[in-house]
Amino acid sequence: MRFCSYVVKYDVGLAPNPFWGYCTLAVCTPNHMGIRAQKGDWFMGTQPVSKGAKLVYAMQVSEVLPFEAYYADPRFATKKPKIKGRYEELTGDNMYYRDERGDWQQHPTWNHPEVYQHRQDLKYPCAYVSEHFYYFGEQAVEIPPEYRCLIRKMQGCNCAHDPRIVNGFLGWLVRNFKPGKLGDPADRPRDKIQQVKCG
């Protein structure tokens, strides 16, 4: 089992996407980093240090799906963006598919309209799906001092952690919180047509 930590620069509900019963990572960091996580691995996202470095979310990977499979899977149809939907529909991360010629296309969305964003998202075209997650969002919580060494304080991901500390942290999560969506995204745009940024 690997445990990877990183900074969620913008907690907008896109990456991670905590809606509709699954927490998913399909675009932005850590996907752009080519982490290649596997079933059973963990991701932990914290606020920037300037905001307190509190815990935004932690999720255990249940499945790793290529974008084509993610887009075609009826379980994740609600994660396809709806440009006239509610906020949780606007921020859908299930936005890439291949056309009949095998070329990548983007589902209609307000987010990631630029070519460079498409290239970043499609460099490692897979979605990490979690059924076991703790998403705090705007209710982000303090991480106890004994586990604060797990916090990533700069850009990128850190997947090299002491297993004893990781296990202690996961035990603390289980003892103190119920899994699931425990808050709304802290940085969600108030104007629904505003483009959301990567975290």
N, C-alpha and C. Protein backbone atom coordinates (compact mmCIF):
# COMPACT_ATOMS: atom_id res chain seq x y z
N MET A 1 0.84 -1.20 0.00
CA MET A 1 0.00 0.00 0.00
C MET A 1 0.87 1.25 0.00
N ARG A 2 0.58 2.16 -0.91
CA ARG A 2 1.25 3.46 -0.91
C ARG A 2 0.32 4.52 -0.34
N PHE A 3 0.92 5.53 0.25
CA PHE A 3 0.18 6.65 0.82
C PHE A 3 0.80 7.91 0.26
N CYS A 4 0.04 8.64 -0.55
CA CYS A 4 0.56 9.81 -1.26
C CYS A 4 -0.15 11.07 -0.76
N SER A 5 0.63 12.06 -0.39
CA SER A 5 0.07 13.31 0.11
C SER A 5 0.44 14.46 -0.80
N TYR A 6 -0.45 15.44 -0.87
CA TYR A 6 -0.21 16.61 -1.71
C TYR A 6 -1.09 17.76 -1.23
N VAL A 7 -0.86 18.94 -1.80
CA VAL A 7 -1.62 20.13 -1.44
C VAL A 7 -2.79 20.32 -2.39
N VAL A 8 -3.99 20.47 -1.84
CA VAL A 8 -5.16 20.83 -2.64
C VAL A 8 -5.21 22.36 -2.68
N LYS A 9 -4.65 22.91 -3.73
CA LYS A 9 -4.53 24.37 -3.81
C LYS A 9 -5.89 25.04 -3.88
N TYR A 10 -6.79 24.47 -4.69
CA TYR A 10 -8.15 25.00 -4.82
C TYR A 10 -9.13 23.86 -4.55
N ASP A 11 -9.85 23.95 -3.46
CA ASP A 11 -10.84 22.92 -3.11
C ASP A 11 -12.19 23.33 -3.68
N VAL A 12 -12.40 23.02 -4.96
CA VAL A 12 -13.59 23.49 -5.66
C VAL A 12 -14.60 22.38 -5.98
N GLY A 13 -14.23 21.13 -5.71
CA GLY A 13 -15.13 20.03 -6.00
C GLY A 13 -14.84 19.32 -7.31
N LEU A 14 -13.79 19.76 -8.00
CA LEU A 14 -13.40 19.12 -9.26
C LEU A 14 -12.37 18.03 -9.02
N ALA A 15 -11.33 18.34 -8.26
CA ALA A 15 -10.26 17.38 -7.97
C ALA A 15 -9.78 17.61 -6.54
N PRO A 16 -10.24 16.82 -5.58
CA PRO A 16 -11.11 15.66 -5.78
C PRO A 16 -12.57 16.07 -6.01
N ASN A 17 -13.31 15.13 -6.58
CA ASN A 17 -14.75 15.30 -6.78
C ASN A 17 -15.46 14.36 -5.80
N PRO A 18 -16.10 14.93 -4.75
CA PRO A 18 -16.64 14.08 -3.68
C PRO A 18 -18.13 13.76 -3.81
N PHE A 19 -18.70 14.03 -4.97
CA PHE A 19 -20.16 13.94 -5.10
C PHE A 19 -20.64 12.57 -5.59
N TRP A 20 -21.93 12.32 -5.35
CA TRP A 20 -22.65 11.15 -5.88
C TRP A 20 -22.14 9.82 -5.34
N GLY A 21 -21.65 9.83 -4.10
CA GLY A 21 -21.32 8.58 -3.43
C GLY A 21 -19.92 8.05 -3.67
N TYR A 22 -19.18 8.69 -4.55
CA TYR A 22 -17.80 8.30 -4.81
C TYR A 22 -16.91 9.53 -4.72
N CYS A 23 -15.70 9.35 -4.24
CA CYS A 23 -14.70 10.41 -4.35
C CYS A 23 -13.78 10.02 -5.50
N THR A 24 -13.62 10.91 -6.46
CA THR A 24 -12.85 10.58 -7.65
C THR A 24 -11.78 11.63 -7.93
N LEU A 25 -10.71 11.15 -8.53
CA LEU A 25 -9.63 12.00 -9.02
C LEU A 25 -9.42 11.65 -10.48
N ALA A 26 -9.78 12.57 -11.37
CA ALA A 26 -9.64 12.30 -12.80
C ALA A 26 -8.81 13.36 -13.51
N VAL A 27 -8.71 14.54 -12.95
CA VAL A 27 -7.93 15.62 -13.57
C VAL A 27 -7.11 16.31 -12.48
N CYS A 28 -6.18 17.16 -12.89
CA CYS A 28 -5.35 17.94 -11.96
C CYS A 28 -4.38 17.04 -11.18
N THR A 29 -3.70 17.62 -10.20
CA THR A 29 -2.80 16.86 -9.34
C THR A 29 -3.65 15.96 -8.44
N PRO A 30 -3.26 14.69 -8.20
CA PRO A 30 -1.99 14.08 -8.56
C PRO A 30 -1.97 13.39 -9.92
N ASN A 31 -3.09 13.39 -10.65
CA ASN A 31 -3.12 12.70 -11.94
C ASN A 31 -2.05 13.21 -12.89
N HIS A 32 -1.84 14.53 -12.91
CA HIS A 32 -0.85 15.10 -13.82
C HIS A 32 0.57 14.64 -13.49
N MET A 33 0.76 14.11 -12.28
CA MET A 33 2.10 13.71 -11.84
C MET A 33 2.45 12.29 -12.29
N GLY A 34 1.48 11.55 -12.82
CA GLY A 34 1.75 10.17 -13.22
C GLY A 34 2.06 9.26 -12.05
N ILE A 35 1.31 9.42 -10.96
CA ILE A 35 1.56 8.65 -9.74
C ILE A 35 1.33 7.15 -9.96
N ARG A 36 0.38 6.81 -10.82
CA ARG A 36 0.05 5.41 -11.12
C ARG A 36 -0.31 4.63 -9.84
N ALA A 37 -1.23 5.18 -9.10
CA ALA A 37 -1.72 4.50 -7.89
C ALA A 37 -2.49 3.24 -8.27
N GLN A 38 -2.57 2.33 -7.33
CA GLN A 38 -3.27 1.07 -7.53
C GLN A 38 -4.34 0.89 -6.46
N LYS A 39 -5.20 -0.10 -6.68
CA LYS A 39 -6.23 -0.41 -5.70
C LYS A 39 -5.60 -0.62 -4.33
N GLY A 40 -6.17 0.01 -3.32
CA GLY A 40 -5.66 -0.11 -1.96
C GLY A 40 -4.76 1.02 -1.53
N ASP A 41 -4.23 1.78 -2.48
CA ASP A 41 -3.40 2.94 -2.14
C ASP A 41 -4.27 4.08 -1.60
N TRP A 42 -3.61 5.01 -0.93
CA TRP A 42 -4.31 6.16 -0.34
C TRP A 42 -3.80 7.47 -0.89
N PHE A 43 -4.70 8.43 -1.02
CA PHE A 43 -4.34 9.83 -1.29
C PHE A 43 -4.81 10.67 -0.10
N MET A 44 -3.98 11.62 0.28
CA MET A 44 -4.35 12.59 1.30
C MET A 44 -4.10 13.99 0.76
N GLY A 45 -5.12 14.84 0.79
CA GLY A 45 -4.98 16.21 0.33
C GLY A 45 -5.18 17.18 1.48
N THR A 46 -4.27 18.13 1.62
CA THR A 46 -4.37 19.13 2.68
C THR A 46 -4.41 20.53 2.09
N GLN A 47 -4.87 21.46 2.89
CA GLN A 47 -4.88 22.86 2.48
C GLN A 47 -3.44 23.37 2.31
N PRO A 48 -3.26 24.45 1.56
CA PRO A 48 -1.95 25.11 1.56
C PRO A 48 -1.58 25.54 2.99
N VAL A 49 -0.29 25.65 3.23
CA VAL A 49 0.18 26.07 4.55
C VAL A 49 -0.42 27.42 4.93
N SER A 50 -0.59 28.30 3.94
CA SER A 50 -1.14 29.64 4.20
C SER A 50 -2.56 29.60 4.74
N LYS A 51 -3.25 28.48 4.52
CA LYS A 51 -4.63 28.33 5.01
C LYS A 51 -4.71 27.44 6.25
N GLY A 52 -3.57 26.92 6.68
CA GLY A 52 -3.56 26.11 7.89
C GLY A 52 -3.14 24.67 7.72
N ALA A 53 -2.99 24.20 6.47
CA ALA A 53 -2.55 22.82 6.19
C ALA A 53 -3.46 21.79 6.86
N LYS A 54 -4.74 22.09 6.96
CA LYS A 54 -5.69 21.14 7.52
C LYS A 54 -6.04 20.06 6.49
N LEU A 55 -6.63 18.99 6.99
CA LEU A 55 -6.99 17.85 6.14
C LEU A 55 -8.25 18.15 5.34
N VAL A 56 -8.12 18.19 4.02
CA VAL A 56 -9.26 18.38 3.12
C VAL A 56 -9.95 17.05 2.86
N TYR A 57 -9.16 16.03 2.59
CA TYR A 57 -9.75 14.71 2.33
C TYR A 57 -8.67 13.63 2.40
N ALA A 58 -9.13 12.40 2.55
CA ALA A 58 -8.30 11.21 2.39
C ALA A 58 -9.17 10.16 1.73
N MET A 59 -8.62 9.45 0.77
CA MET A 59 -9.40 8.42 0.08
C MET A 59 -8.53 7.21 -0.23
N GLN A 60 -9.14 6.04 -0.10
CA GLN A 60 -8.47 4.81 -0.50
C GLN A 60 -8.97 4.42 -1.88
N VAL A 61 -8.06 4.13 -2.77
CA VAL A 61 -8.41 3.80 -4.15
C VAL A 61 -9.11 2.45 -4.21
N SER A 62 -10.33 2.45 -4.73
CA SER A 62 -11.10 1.22 -4.93
C SER A 62 -10.90 0.65 -6.33
N GLU A 63 -10.80 1.55 -7.31
CA GLU A 63 -10.64 1.17 -8.71
C GLU A 63 -9.79 2.21 -9.42
N VAL A 64 -9.09 1.75 -10.45
CA VAL A 64 -8.39 2.65 -11.37
C VAL A 64 -8.96 2.37 -12.75
N LEU A 65 -9.61 3.38 -13.33
CA LEU A 65 -10.30 3.18 -14.61
C LEU A 65 -9.70 4.07 -15.69
N PRO A 66 -9.40 3.51 -16.87
CA PRO A 66 -9.06 4.37 -18.00
C PRO A 66 -10.22 5.33 -18.28
N PHE A 67 -9.90 6.50 -18.82
CA PHE A 67 -10.96 7.48 -19.07
C PHE A 67 -12.10 6.90 -19.90
N GLU A 68 -11.79 6.06 -20.89
CA GLU A 68 -12.85 5.50 -21.72
C GLU A 68 -13.84 4.69 -20.88
N ALA A 69 -13.29 3.88 -19.96
CA ALA A 69 -14.15 3.05 -19.11
C ALA A 69 -14.90 3.91 -18.10
N TYR A 70 -14.25 4.93 -17.58
CA TYR A 70 -14.90 5.84 -16.63
C TYR A 70 -16.08 6.53 -17.30
N TYR A 71 -15.89 6.99 -18.52
CA TYR A 71 -16.95 7.71 -19.23
C TYR A 71 -18.12 6.78 -19.56
N ALA A 72 -17.82 5.53 -19.90
CA ALA A 72 -18.87 4.59 -20.33
C ALA A 72 -19.61 3.94 -19.17
N ASP A 73 -19.05 3.98 -17.98
CA ASP A 73 -19.62 3.27 -16.84
C ASP A 73 -20.86 4.01 -16.32
N PRO A 74 -22.03 3.35 -16.30
CA PRO A 74 -23.25 4.04 -15.84
C PRO A 74 -23.19 4.49 -14.39
N ARG A 75 -22.32 3.89 -13.59
CA ARG A 75 -22.20 4.32 -12.19
C ARG A 75 -21.73 5.77 -12.09
N PHE A 76 -21.01 6.22 -13.12
CA PHE A 76 -20.40 7.54 -13.04
C PHE A 76 -21.01 8.53 -14.04
N ALA A 77 -22.21 8.19 -14.52
CA ALA A 77 -22.90 9.11 -15.44
C ALA A 77 -23.18 10.45 -14.76
N THR A 78 -23.45 10.43 -13.46
CA THR A 78 -23.74 11.68 -12.74
C THR A 78 -22.50 12.55 -12.59
N LYS A 79 -21.33 12.00 -12.84
CA LYS A 79 -20.10 12.79 -12.75
C LYS A 79 -19.73 13.44 -14.08
N LYS A 80 -20.56 13.24 -15.11
CA LYS A 80 -20.36 13.99 -16.35
C LYS A 80 -20.89 15.41 -16.14
N PRO A 81 -20.14 16.42 -16.56
CA PRO A 81 -20.57 17.80 -16.30
C PRO A 81 -21.90 18.13 -16.98
N LYS A 82 -22.66 18.98 -16.32
CA LYS A 82 -23.87 19.57 -16.90
C LYS A 82 -23.71 21.08 -16.82
N ILE A 83 -23.62 21.73 -17.97
CA ILE A 83 -23.29 23.16 -17.96
C ILE A 83 -24.44 24.02 -17.47
N LYS A 84 -25.63 23.45 -17.34
CA LYS A 84 -26.75 24.19 -16.77
C LYS A 84 -27.28 23.50 -15.51
N GLY A 85 -26.42 22.74 -14.87
CA GLY A 85 -26.85 22.00 -13.70
C GLY A 85 -26.56 22.71 -12.40
N ARG A 86 -26.77 21.98 -11.31
CA ARG A 86 -26.42 22.47 -9.98
C ARG A 86 -24.90 22.44 -9.84
N TYR A 87 -24.42 23.01 -8.74
CA TYR A 87 -22.96 23.12 -8.61
C TYR A 87 -22.26 21.78 -8.72
N GLU A 88 -22.78 20.76 -8.03
CA GLU A 88 -22.12 19.46 -8.06
C GLU A 88 -22.17 18.82 -9.45
N GLU A 89 -23.10 19.27 -10.29
CA GLU A 89 -23.15 18.80 -11.67
C GLU A 89 -22.20 19.60 -12.57
N LEU A 90 -22.05 20.87 -12.29
CA LEU A 90 -21.14 21.71 -13.07
C LEU A 90 -19.70 21.25 -12.95
N THR A 91 -19.33 20.72 -11.78
CA THR A 91 -17.94 20.36 -11.52
C THR A 91 -17.65 18.89 -11.81
N GLY A 92 -18.47 18.23 -12.60
CA GLY A 92 -18.21 16.84 -12.94
C GLY A 92 -16.84 16.65 -13.56
N ASP A 93 -16.14 15.60 -13.13
CA ASP A 93 -14.79 15.35 -13.64
C ASP A 93 -14.74 14.27 -14.72
N ASN A 94 -15.90 13.73 -15.09
CA ASN A 94 -15.97 12.66 -16.10
C ASN A 94 -16.17 13.31 -17.47
N MET A 95 -15.10 13.87 -18.02
CA MET A 95 -15.25 14.79 -19.15
C MET A 95 -14.50 14.41 -20.42
N TYR A 96 -13.86 13.25 -20.45
CA TYR A 96 -13.11 12.87 -21.65
C TYR A 96 -13.55 11.51 -22.18
N TYR A 97 -13.65 11.42 -23.49
CA TYR A 97 -14.02 10.17 -24.14
C TYR A 97 -13.40 10.15 -25.54
N ARG A 98 -13.39 8.97 -26.16
CA ARG A 98 -12.88 8.84 -27.53
C ARG A 98 -14.05 8.76 -28.50
N ASP A 99 -13.91 9.43 -29.64
CA ASP A 99 -14.95 9.37 -30.67
C ASP A 99 -14.75 8.13 -31.53
N GLU A 100 -15.57 8.00 -32.58
CA GLU A 100 -15.53 6.79 -33.41
C GLU A 100 -14.20 6.62 -34.14
N ARG A 101 -13.43 7.69 -34.27
CA ARG A 101 -12.10 7.60 -34.89
C ARG A 101 -11.00 7.32 -33.88
N GLY A 102 -11.37 7.28 -32.62
CA GLY A 102 -10.39 7.04 -31.57
C GLY A 102 -9.72 8.29 -31.05
N ASP A 103 -10.22 9.46 -31.47
CA ASP A 103 -9.66 10.73 -31.01
C ASP A 103 -10.33 11.17 -29.71
N TRP A 104 -9.54 11.79 -28.85
CA TRP A 104 -10.09 12.30 -27.60
C TRP A 104 -11.02 13.48 -27.84
N GLN A 105 -12.13 13.47 -27.15
CA GLN A 105 -13.08 14.58 -27.17
C GLN A 105 -13.41 14.95 -25.72
N GLN A 106 -13.86 16.19 -25.54
CA GLN A 106 -14.24 16.64 -24.21
C GLN A 106 -15.75 16.83 -24.13
N HIS A 107 -16.33 16.25 -23.10
CA HIS A 107 -17.75 16.45 -22.81
C HIS A 107 -17.99 17.94 -22.53
N PRO A 108 -19.15 18.48 -22.94
CA PRO A 108 -19.40 19.91 -22.68
C PRO A 108 -19.23 20.26 -21.20
N THR A 109 -18.40 21.25 -20.93
CA THR A 109 -18.09 21.64 -19.56
C THR A 109 -17.56 23.07 -19.54
N TRP A 110 -17.72 23.74 -18.40
CA TRP A 110 -17.12 25.06 -18.23
C TRP A 110 -15.64 24.95 -17.92
N ASN A 111 -15.20 23.77 -17.50
CA ASN A 111 -13.87 23.62 -16.93
C ASN A 111 -12.87 23.04 -17.91
N HIS A 112 -11.64 23.46 -17.76
CA HIS A 112 -10.53 22.97 -18.59
C HIS A 112 -10.80 23.16 -20.09
N PRO A 113 -11.06 24.39 -20.51
CA PRO A 113 -11.34 24.64 -21.93
C PRO A 113 -10.10 24.78 -22.80
N GLU A 114 -8.94 24.99 -22.18
CA GLU A 114 -7.73 25.29 -22.94
C GLU A 114 -7.02 24.03 -23.41
N VAL A 115 -6.35 24.14 -24.55
CA VAL A 115 -5.64 23.00 -25.13
C VAL A 115 -4.58 22.47 -24.16
N TYR A 116 -3.86 23.36 -23.49
CA TYR A 116 -2.82 22.89 -22.57
C TYR A 116 -3.41 22.10 -21.41
N GLN A 117 -4.64 22.45 -21.01
CA GLN A 117 -5.30 21.70 -19.95
C GLN A 117 -5.70 20.31 -20.43
N HIS A 118 -6.16 20.23 -21.67
CA HIS A 118 -6.48 18.91 -22.25
C HIS A 118 -5.23 18.04 -22.26
N ARG A 119 -4.11 18.61 -22.68
CA ARG A 119 -2.87 17.84 -22.75
C ARG A 119 -2.45 17.34 -21.38
N GLN A 120 -2.58 18.20 -20.38
CA GLN A 120 -2.23 17.78 -19.02
C GLN A 120 -3.14 16.65 -18.55
N ASP A 121 -4.43 16.81 -18.76
CA ASP A 121 -5.39 15.81 -18.29
C ASP A 121 -5.22 14.47 -19.00
N LEU A 122 -4.83 14.51 -20.27
CA LEU A 122 -4.78 13.29 -21.08
C LEU A 122 -3.40 12.64 -21.10
N LYS A 123 -2.44 13.22 -20.42
CA LYS A 123 -1.11 12.62 -20.37
C LYS A 123 -1.15 11.27 -19.66
N TYR A 124 -1.91 11.21 -18.58
CA TYR A 124 -2.12 9.96 -17.84
C TYR A 124 -3.64 9.78 -17.70
N PRO A 125 -4.30 9.27 -18.74
CA PRO A 125 -5.77 9.29 -18.80
C PRO A 125 -6.45 8.19 -17.98
N CYS A 126 -6.44 8.37 -16.66
CA CYS A 126 -7.14 7.40 -15.82
C CYS A 126 -7.81 8.14 -14.67
N ALA A 127 -8.84 7.51 -14.14
CA ALA A 127 -9.58 8.06 -13.00
C ALA A 127 -9.40 7.14 -11.80
N TYR A 128 -9.10 7.74 -10.67
CA TYR A 128 -9.03 7.00 -9.41
C TYR A 128 -10.39 7.13 -8.71
N VAL A 129 -10.95 5.99 -8.38
CA VAL A 129 -12.30 5.95 -7.79
C VAL A 129 -12.20 5.41 -6.37
N SER A 130 -12.87 6.08 -5.44
CA SER A 130 -12.88 5.62 -4.06
C SER A 130 -14.30 5.48 -3.54
N GLU A 131 -14.55 4.33 -2.92
CA GLU A 131 -15.80 4.12 -2.19
C GLU A 131 -15.58 4.30 -0.69
N HIS A 132 -14.32 4.38 -0.28
CA HIS A 132 -13.98 4.56 1.14
C HIS A 132 -13.15 5.82 1.26
N PHE A 133 -13.81 6.89 1.69
CA PHE A 133 -13.13 8.19 1.71
C PHE A 133 -13.67 9.06 2.84
N TYR A 134 -12.89 10.06 3.17
CA TYR A 134 -13.26 11.07 4.17
C TYR A 134 -13.03 12.43 3.52
N TYR A 135 -14.10 13.07 3.13
CA TYR A 135 -13.98 14.38 2.48
C TYR A 135 -14.56 15.44 3.42
N PHE A 136 -13.71 16.36 3.86
CA PHE A 136 -14.12 17.40 4.81
C PHE A 136 -14.41 18.73 4.14
N GLY A 137 -13.68 19.06 3.07
CA GLY A 137 -13.92 20.31 2.37
C GLY A 137 -13.80 21.51 3.29
N GLU A 138 -14.86 22.32 3.35
CA GLU A 138 -14.84 23.53 4.17
C GLU A 138 -14.83 23.21 5.67
N GLN A 139 -15.06 21.96 6.02
CA GLN A 139 -14.97 21.51 7.42
C GLN A 139 -13.61 20.87 7.69
N ALA A 140 -12.59 21.27 6.96
CA ALA A 140 -11.25 20.69 7.09
C ALA A 140 -10.82 20.64 8.55
N VAL A 141 -10.12 19.56 8.90
CA VAL A 141 -9.77 19.31 10.31
C VAL A 141 -8.26 19.37 10.52
N GLU A 142 -7.90 19.72 11.74
CA GLU A 142 -6.49 19.73 12.14
C GLU A 142 -5.96 18.29 12.18
N ILE A 143 -4.78 18.11 11.66
CA ILE A 143 -4.11 16.82 11.76
C ILE A 143 -3.29 16.82 13.05
N PRO A 144 -3.40 15.77 13.87
CA PRO A 144 -2.65 15.75 15.12
C PRO A 144 -1.14 15.90 14.89
N PRO A 145 -0.44 16.50 15.85
CA PRO A 145 1.00 16.76 15.69
C PRO A 145 1.81 15.54 15.30
N GLU A 146 1.46 14.38 15.83
CA GLU A 146 2.26 13.18 15.56
C GLU A 146 2.15 12.70 14.11
N TYR A 147 1.17 13.24 13.37
CA TYR A 147 1.00 12.83 11.97
C TYR A 147 1.26 13.97 10.99
N ARG A 148 1.66 15.11 11.49
CA ARG A 148 1.83 16.27 10.61
C ARG A 148 3.01 16.12 9.66
N CYS A 149 3.89 15.17 9.93
CA CYS A 149 4.99 14.91 8.99
C CYS A 149 4.48 14.34 7.68
N LEU A 150 3.23 13.90 7.64
CA LEU A 150 2.64 13.39 6.39
C LEU A 150 2.23 14.52 5.45
N ILE A 151 2.15 15.73 5.97
CA ILE A 151 1.65 16.85 5.18
C ILE A 151 2.68 17.28 4.15
N ARG A 152 2.24 17.38 2.91
CA ARG A 152 3.07 17.93 1.83
C ARG A 152 2.92 19.45 1.86
N LYS A 153 4.03 20.16 1.83
CA LYS A 153 3.97 21.62 1.99
C LYS A 153 4.30 22.37 0.72
N MET A 154 4.51 21.65 -0.37
CA MET A 154 4.87 22.30 -1.63
C MET A 154 4.22 21.55 -2.78
N GLN A 155 4.48 22.01 -3.99
CA GLN A 155 3.90 21.40 -5.19
C GLN A 155 4.35 19.96 -5.33
N GLY A 156 3.53 19.14 -5.97
CA GLY A 156 3.87 17.75 -6.20
C GLY A 156 3.28 16.82 -5.17
N CYS A 157 3.66 15.55 -5.25
CA CYS A 157 3.17 14.52 -4.33
C CYS A 157 4.33 13.88 -3.59
N ASN A 158 4.07 13.46 -2.37
CA ASN A 158 5.05 12.70 -1.60
C ASN A 158 4.43 11.34 -1.29
N CYS A 159 5.06 10.30 -1.79
CA CYS A 159 4.55 8.94 -1.56
C CYS A 159 5.52 8.11 -0.72
N ALA A 160 6.51 8.77 -0.10
CA ALA A 160 7.50 8.07 0.71
C ALA A 160 7.30 8.44 2.17
N HIS A 161 6.47 7.67 2.86
CA HIS A 161 6.16 7.94 4.26
C HIS A 161 6.43 6.71 5.11
N ASP A 162 6.71 6.92 6.38
CA ASP A 162 6.92 5.85 7.34
C ASP A 162 5.61 5.07 7.51
N PRO A 163 5.59 3.77 7.20
CA PRO A 163 4.34 3.00 7.29
C PRO A 163 3.72 3.04 8.68
N ARG A 164 4.54 3.13 9.72
CA ARG A 164 3.99 3.17 11.09
C ARG A 164 3.18 4.45 11.31
N ILE A 165 3.69 5.56 10.78
CA ILE A 165 2.97 6.82 10.93
C ILE A 165 1.70 6.81 10.08
N VAL A 166 1.81 6.26 8.88
CA VAL A 166 0.63 6.15 8.01
C VAL A 166 -0.46 5.32 8.70
N ASN A 167 -0.09 4.17 9.24
CA ASN A 167 -1.08 3.32 9.90
C ASN A 167 -1.69 4.01 11.11
N GLY A 168 -0.88 4.77 11.84
CA GLY A 168 -1.41 5.52 12.97
C GLY A 168 -2.41 6.58 12.52
N PHE A 169 -2.08 7.26 11.44
CA PHE A 169 -2.98 8.29 10.91
C PHE A 169 -4.30 7.68 10.45
N LEU A 170 -4.23 6.56 9.73
CA LEU A 170 -5.46 5.92 9.26
C LEU A 170 -6.31 5.43 10.43
N GLY A 171 -5.66 4.94 11.47
CA GLY A 171 -6.39 4.54 12.66
C GLY A 171 -7.09 5.72 13.32
N TRP A 172 -6.41 6.85 13.36
CA TRP A 172 -7.02 8.08 13.91
C TRP A 172 -8.24 8.48 13.10
N LEU A 173 -8.15 8.40 11.77
CA LEU A 173 -9.30 8.71 10.92
C LEU A 173 -10.50 7.82 11.25
N VAL A 174 -10.25 6.52 11.30
CA VAL A 174 -11.33 5.56 11.52
C VAL A 174 -11.98 5.77 12.88
N ARG A 175 -11.18 6.06 13.88
CA ARG A 175 -11.72 6.22 15.24
C ARG A 175 -12.54 7.49 15.42
N ASN A 176 -12.23 8.50 14.65
CA ASN A 176 -12.80 9.81 14.93
C ASN A 176 -13.83 10.32 13.92
N PHE A 177 -13.92 9.68 12.75
CA PHE A 177 -14.80 10.21 11.71
C PHE A 177 -15.54 9.09 10.99
N LYS A 178 -16.73 9.43 10.53
CA LYS A 178 -17.46 8.52 9.64
C LYS A 178 -16.98 8.76 8.21
N PRO A 179 -16.82 7.71 7.43
CA PRO A 179 -16.43 7.94 6.03
C PRO A 179 -17.56 8.58 5.24
N GLY A 180 -17.18 9.24 4.15
CA GLY A 180 -18.15 9.88 3.28
C GLY A 180 -17.88 11.35 3.10
N LYS A 181 -18.84 12.04 2.53
CA LYS A 181 -18.74 13.49 2.30
C LYS A 181 -19.23 14.20 3.55
N LEU A 182 -18.31 14.88 4.22
CA LEU A 182 -18.59 15.50 5.51
C LEU A 182 -18.68 17.02 5.44
N GLY A 183 -18.49 17.58 4.25
CA GLY A 183 -18.57 19.02 4.07
C GLY A 183 -18.64 19.34 2.59
N ASP A 184 -18.86 20.60 2.27
CA ASP A 184 -18.87 21.06 0.88
C ASP A 184 -17.52 21.67 0.53
N PRO A 185 -17.18 21.74 -0.76
CA PRO A 185 -15.90 22.32 -1.17
C PRO A 185 -15.74 23.75 -0.65
N ALA A 186 -14.59 24.02 -0.07
CA ALA A 186 -14.35 25.32 0.57
C ALA A 186 -14.26 26.46 -0.44
N ASP A 187 -13.75 26.16 -1.63
CA ASP A 187 -13.50 27.21 -2.63
C ASP A 187 -14.48 27.17 -3.79
N ARG A 188 -15.65 26.58 -3.57
CA ARG A 188 -16.60 26.47 -4.68
C ARG A 188 -16.99 27.87 -5.16
N PRO A 189 -17.01 28.08 -6.47
CA PRO A 189 -17.38 29.40 -7.01
C PRO A 189 -18.82 29.74 -6.67
N ARG A 190 -19.06 30.99 -6.38
CA ARG A 190 -20.42 31.44 -6.10
C ARG A 190 -21.17 31.77 -7.39
N ASP A 191 -20.41 32.06 -8.47
CA ASP A 191 -20.99 32.27 -9.79
C ASP A 191 -20.86 30.96 -10.55
N LYS A 192 -22.00 30.37 -10.91
CA LYS A 192 -21.94 29.01 -11.45
C LYS A 192 -21.28 28.92 -12.82
N ILE A 193 -21.07 30.03 -13.51
CA ILE A 193 -20.40 29.94 -14.80
C ILE A 193 -18.91 30.24 -14.69
N GLN A 194 -18.44 30.44 -13.47
CA GLN A 194 -17.01 30.67 -13.28
C GLN A 194 -16.26 29.37 -13.46
N GLN A 195 -15.15 29.41 -14.19
CA GLN A 195 -14.35 28.22 -14.37
C GLN A 195 -13.67 27.88 -13.06
N VAL A 196 -13.66 26.59 -12.72
CA VAL A 196 -12.97 26.17 -11.52
C VAL A 196 -11.54 25.79 -11.86
N LYS A 197 -10.67 25.90 -10.88
CA LYS A 197 -9.25 25.68 -11.10
C LYS A 197 -8.83 24.33 -10.53
N CYS A 198 -7.69 23.86 -11.04
CA CYS A 198 -7.12 22.62 -10.53
C CYS A 198 -6.66 22.82 -9.09
N GLY A 199 -6.69 21.72 -8.33
CA GLY A 199 -6.19 21.77 -6.97
C GLY A 199 -4.95 20.94 -6.86
